[in-house]
Amino acid sequence: MKKFLSLVLALVMTMSLVTVSAGAKDFSDSTKIQYKEAVDVMSAVNVISGYAEGDFRPTATLTRGAAAKIICNLILGPTTAGALVAGYIAYCQKAGIISGYADGTFKPANSLTGYAFMKMLLGALGYDASREGYTGPNWSIAVGKRALNAGLADDLVGDFNGVKAVTREEAC
């Protein structure tokens, strides 16, 4: 799984070196997008999309459900992910990428922190949450350490704040 996702991420990075025909510049709020290259690439490969009104809403908080969709699109590709009968959340839960809240709910409309999104990304890369220490009261420390060492926050402007809600453009 790690090798597969590494190849997908390498492909996405390679695509960022070429001119992308659809992306941040096509959104009606393109001047508000800080991470234009990331949004260009992720929207061009259909990992994330804009809204029906033609905008991207870069600073809107990423929801837990939208994060599950992004993860599925990265792993499976948008066509296969879109055809999932059980849905994005069920796929991510079955794959061990997400576990939800202690009460057994997932709350897809809720926002998620930088640590929570990085935990999902690490799970998509094949890291096992229980083996890596991404569970229990100090899970965010283990996630932050691994994610920052892996460079998941390298291109963010300013210091990474894992307790802050992730925006749509930061997710890209």
Protein backbone atom coordinates (compact mmCIF):
# COMPACT_ATOMS: atom_id res chain seq x y z
CA MET A 1 0.00 0.00 0.00
CA LYS A 2 2.81 2.42 0.88
CA LYS A 3 4.53 1.80 -2.45
CA PHE A 4 1.30 2.30 -4.38
CA LEU A 5 0.45 5.58 -2.70
CA SER A 6 4.05 6.72 -3.02
CA LEU A 7 3.76 6.17 -6.76
CA VAL A 8 0.49 8.11 -6.85
CA LEU A 9 2.04 10.98 -4.91
CA ALA A 10 5.09 10.92 -7.21
CA LEU A 11 2.74 11.15 -10.19
CA VAL A 12 0.93 14.09 -8.65
CA MET A 13 4.23 15.82 -7.93
CA THR A 14 5.38 15.18 -11.50
CA MET A 15 2.17 16.64 -12.82
CA SER A 16 2.85 19.79 -10.82
CA LEU A 17 5.87 20.40 -13.03
CA VAL A 18 3.79 20.65 -16.19
CA THR A 19 1.22 23.25 -17.12
CA VAL A 20 -2.17 22.22 -15.84
CA SER A 21 -5.14 23.26 -17.95
CA ALA A 22 -7.72 23.27 -15.16
CA GLY A 23 -7.12 24.45 -11.67
CA ALA A 24 -7.04 27.38 -9.31
CA LYS A 25 -7.12 29.93 -12.11
CA ASP A 26 -10.51 28.59 -13.24
CA PHE A 27 -12.26 29.22 -9.93
CA SER A 28 -14.14 32.49 -9.52
CA ASP A 29 -12.27 33.09 -6.24
CA SER A 30 -8.84 32.23 -7.68
CA THR A 31 -7.28 35.45 -6.35
CA LYS A 32 -7.98 34.23 -2.80
CA ILE A 33 -6.13 30.93 -3.27
CA GLN A 34 -2.75 31.02 -1.57
CA TYR A 35 -1.61 27.51 -2.56
CA LYS A 36 -2.38 27.84 -6.28
CA GLU A 37 -0.03 25.08 -7.48
CA ALA A 38 -1.38 22.55 -4.99
CA VAL A 39 -4.98 23.41 -5.83
CA ASP A 40 -4.15 23.28 -9.57
CA VAL A 41 -2.72 19.78 -9.29
CA MET A 42 -5.31 18.33 -6.95
CA SER A 43 -8.23 19.76 -8.94
CA ALA A 44 -6.69 18.68 -12.29
CA VAL A 45 -6.48 15.05 -11.12
CA ASN A 46 -9.99 15.31 -9.61
CA VAL A 47 -8.90 14.65 -6.04
CA ILE A 48 -10.75 17.78 -4.90
CA SER A 49 -13.16 19.99 -6.78
CA GLY A 50 -14.86 23.31 -6.50
CA TYR A 51 -18.49 24.11 -5.82
CA ALA A 52 -21.37 24.29 -8.30
CA GLU A 53 -21.23 28.09 -8.10
CA GLY A 54 -17.73 28.02 -9.68
CA ASP A 55 -15.73 28.89 -6.57
CA PHE A 56 -13.24 26.85 -4.55
CA ARG A 57 -13.61 28.44 -1.10
CA PRO A 58 -9.93 27.93 -0.18
CA THR A 59 -10.23 29.08 3.43
CA ALA A 60 -13.39 27.10 4.15
CA THR A 61 -12.86 24.46 6.80
CA LEU A 62 -12.40 20.96 5.46
CA THR A 63 -15.05 18.59 6.79
CA ARG A 64 -14.34 15.07 7.98
CA GLY A 65 -16.50 13.68 5.16
CA ALA A 66 -14.66 15.72 2.53
CA ALA A 67 -11.34 14.51 3.95
CA ALA A 68 -12.52 10.90 3.55
CA LYS A 69 -13.40 11.66 -0.08
CA ILE A 70 -9.95 13.16 -0.71
CA ILE A 71 -8.27 10.09 0.78
CA CYS A 72 -10.40 7.74 -1.36
CA ASN A 73 -9.67 9.77 -4.49
CA LEU A 74 -5.93 9.59 -3.74
CA ILE A 75 -5.92 5.85 -3.12
CA LEU A 76 -8.47 4.60 -5.63
CA GLY A 77 -8.67 7.38 -8.19
CA PRO A 78 -11.79 9.52 -8.59
CA THR A 79 -13.66 7.13 -10.92
CA THR A 80 -13.35 4.09 -8.67
CA ALA A 81 -13.85 6.15 -5.51
CA GLY A 82 -17.00 7.70 -6.95
CA ALA A 83 -18.40 4.23 -7.63
CA LEU A 84 -18.01 3.00 -4.05
CA VAL A 85 -21.30 1.49 -2.98
CA ALA A 86 -20.65 1.88 0.74
CA GLY A 87 -19.18 5.36 0.41
CA TYR A 88 -15.95 7.13 1.27
CA ILE A 89 -16.27 6.95 5.04
CA ALA A 90 -17.05 3.23 5.05
CA TYR A 91 -14.10 2.53 2.76
CA CYS A 92 -11.69 4.53 4.93
CA GLN A 93 -13.00 2.85 8.08
CA LYS A 94 -12.67 -0.64 6.61
CA ALA A 95 -9.14 0.18 5.40
CA GLY A 96 -8.19 1.29 8.92
CA ILE A 97 -7.56 4.88 7.86
CA ILE A 98 -10.24 6.37 10.14
CA SER A 99 -11.86 5.24 13.33
CA GLY A 100 -14.24 8.03 14.27
CA TYR A 101 -15.13 9.14 17.75
CA ALA A 102 -15.15 7.05 20.93
CA ASP A 103 -18.96 6.88 20.80
CA GLY A 104 -18.82 5.05 17.43
CA THR A 105 -19.85 8.04 15.28
CA PHE A 106 -17.86 9.75 12.53
CA LYS A 107 -19.67 13.11 12.27
CA PRO A 108 -18.82 13.83 8.61
CA ALA A 109 -19.98 17.46 8.73
CA ASN A 110 -17.57 18.34 11.54
CA SER A 111 -14.25 19.99 10.81
CA LEU A 112 -11.00 18.22 11.56
CA THR A 113 -7.68 19.38 12.91
CA GLY A 114 -4.37 19.30 11.14
CA TYR A 115 -3.36 16.35 13.28
CA ALA A 116 -6.54 14.44 12.39
CA PHE A 117 -6.04 15.05 8.65
CA MET A 118 -2.39 14.04 8.87
CA LYS A 119 -3.44 10.89 10.70
CA MET A 120 -5.72 10.10 7.75
CA LEU A 121 -2.92 10.79 5.26
CA LEU A 122 -0.53 8.57 7.20
CA GLY A 123 -3.18 5.84 7.28
CA ALA A 124 -3.55 6.17 3.51
CA LEU A 125 0.22 5.76 3.20
CA GLY A 126 -0.10 2.46 5.02
CA TYR A 127 0.86 3.36 8.57
CA ASP A 128 -1.08 1.29 11.11
CA ALA A 129 -2.60 3.58 13.76
CA SER A 130 -2.31 1.13 16.66
CA ARG A 131 1.19 -0.02 15.77
CA GLU A 132 2.45 3.55 15.26
CA GLY A 133 0.88 4.92 18.45
CA TYR A 134 -1.79 7.01 16.70
CA THR A 135 -4.38 5.97 19.29
CA GLY A 136 -4.89 6.84 22.95
CA PRO A 137 -4.54 10.15 24.76
CA ASN A 138 -1.26 11.23 23.10
CA TRP A 139 -2.02 10.14 19.53
CA SER A 140 -1.50 13.65 18.14
CA ILE A 141 2.12 13.75 19.33
CA ALA A 142 2.97 10.54 17.47
CA VAL A 143 1.08 11.71 14.37
CA GLY A 144 2.70 15.15 14.41
CA LYS A 145 6.18 13.72 14.78
CA ARG A 146 5.77 11.22 11.91
CA ALA A 147 3.94 13.65 9.63
CA LEU A 148 6.40 16.49 10.13
CA ASN A 149 9.37 14.14 9.66
CA ALA A 150 7.76 12.88 6.46
CA GLY A 151 7.45 16.47 5.23
CA LEU A 152 3.65 16.62 5.06
CA ALA A 153 3.67 20.25 6.23
CA ASP A 154 6.78 21.45 4.39
CA ASP A 155 5.04 23.73 1.90
CA LEU A 156 2.58 25.35 4.29
CA VAL A 157 3.09 29.04 4.86
CA GLY A 158 4.08 29.71 8.47
CA ASP A 159 4.36 27.16 11.22
CA PHE A 160 2.14 24.10 11.22
CA ASN A 161 -0.62 24.28 13.84
CA GLY A 162 -2.01 20.78 14.27
CA VAL A 163 -4.82 21.78 16.61
CA LYS A 164 -6.29 24.29 14.14
CA ALA A 165 -8.99 23.22 11.68
CA VAL A 166 -7.65 22.39 8.22
CA THR A 167 -8.76 24.53 5.28
CA ARG A 168 -9.52 23.18 1.83
CA GLU A 169 -6.40 24.68 0.29
CA GLU A 170 -4.17 23.40 3.12
CA ALA A 171 -5.52 19.92 2.42
CA CYS A 172 -4.29 20.25 -1.17
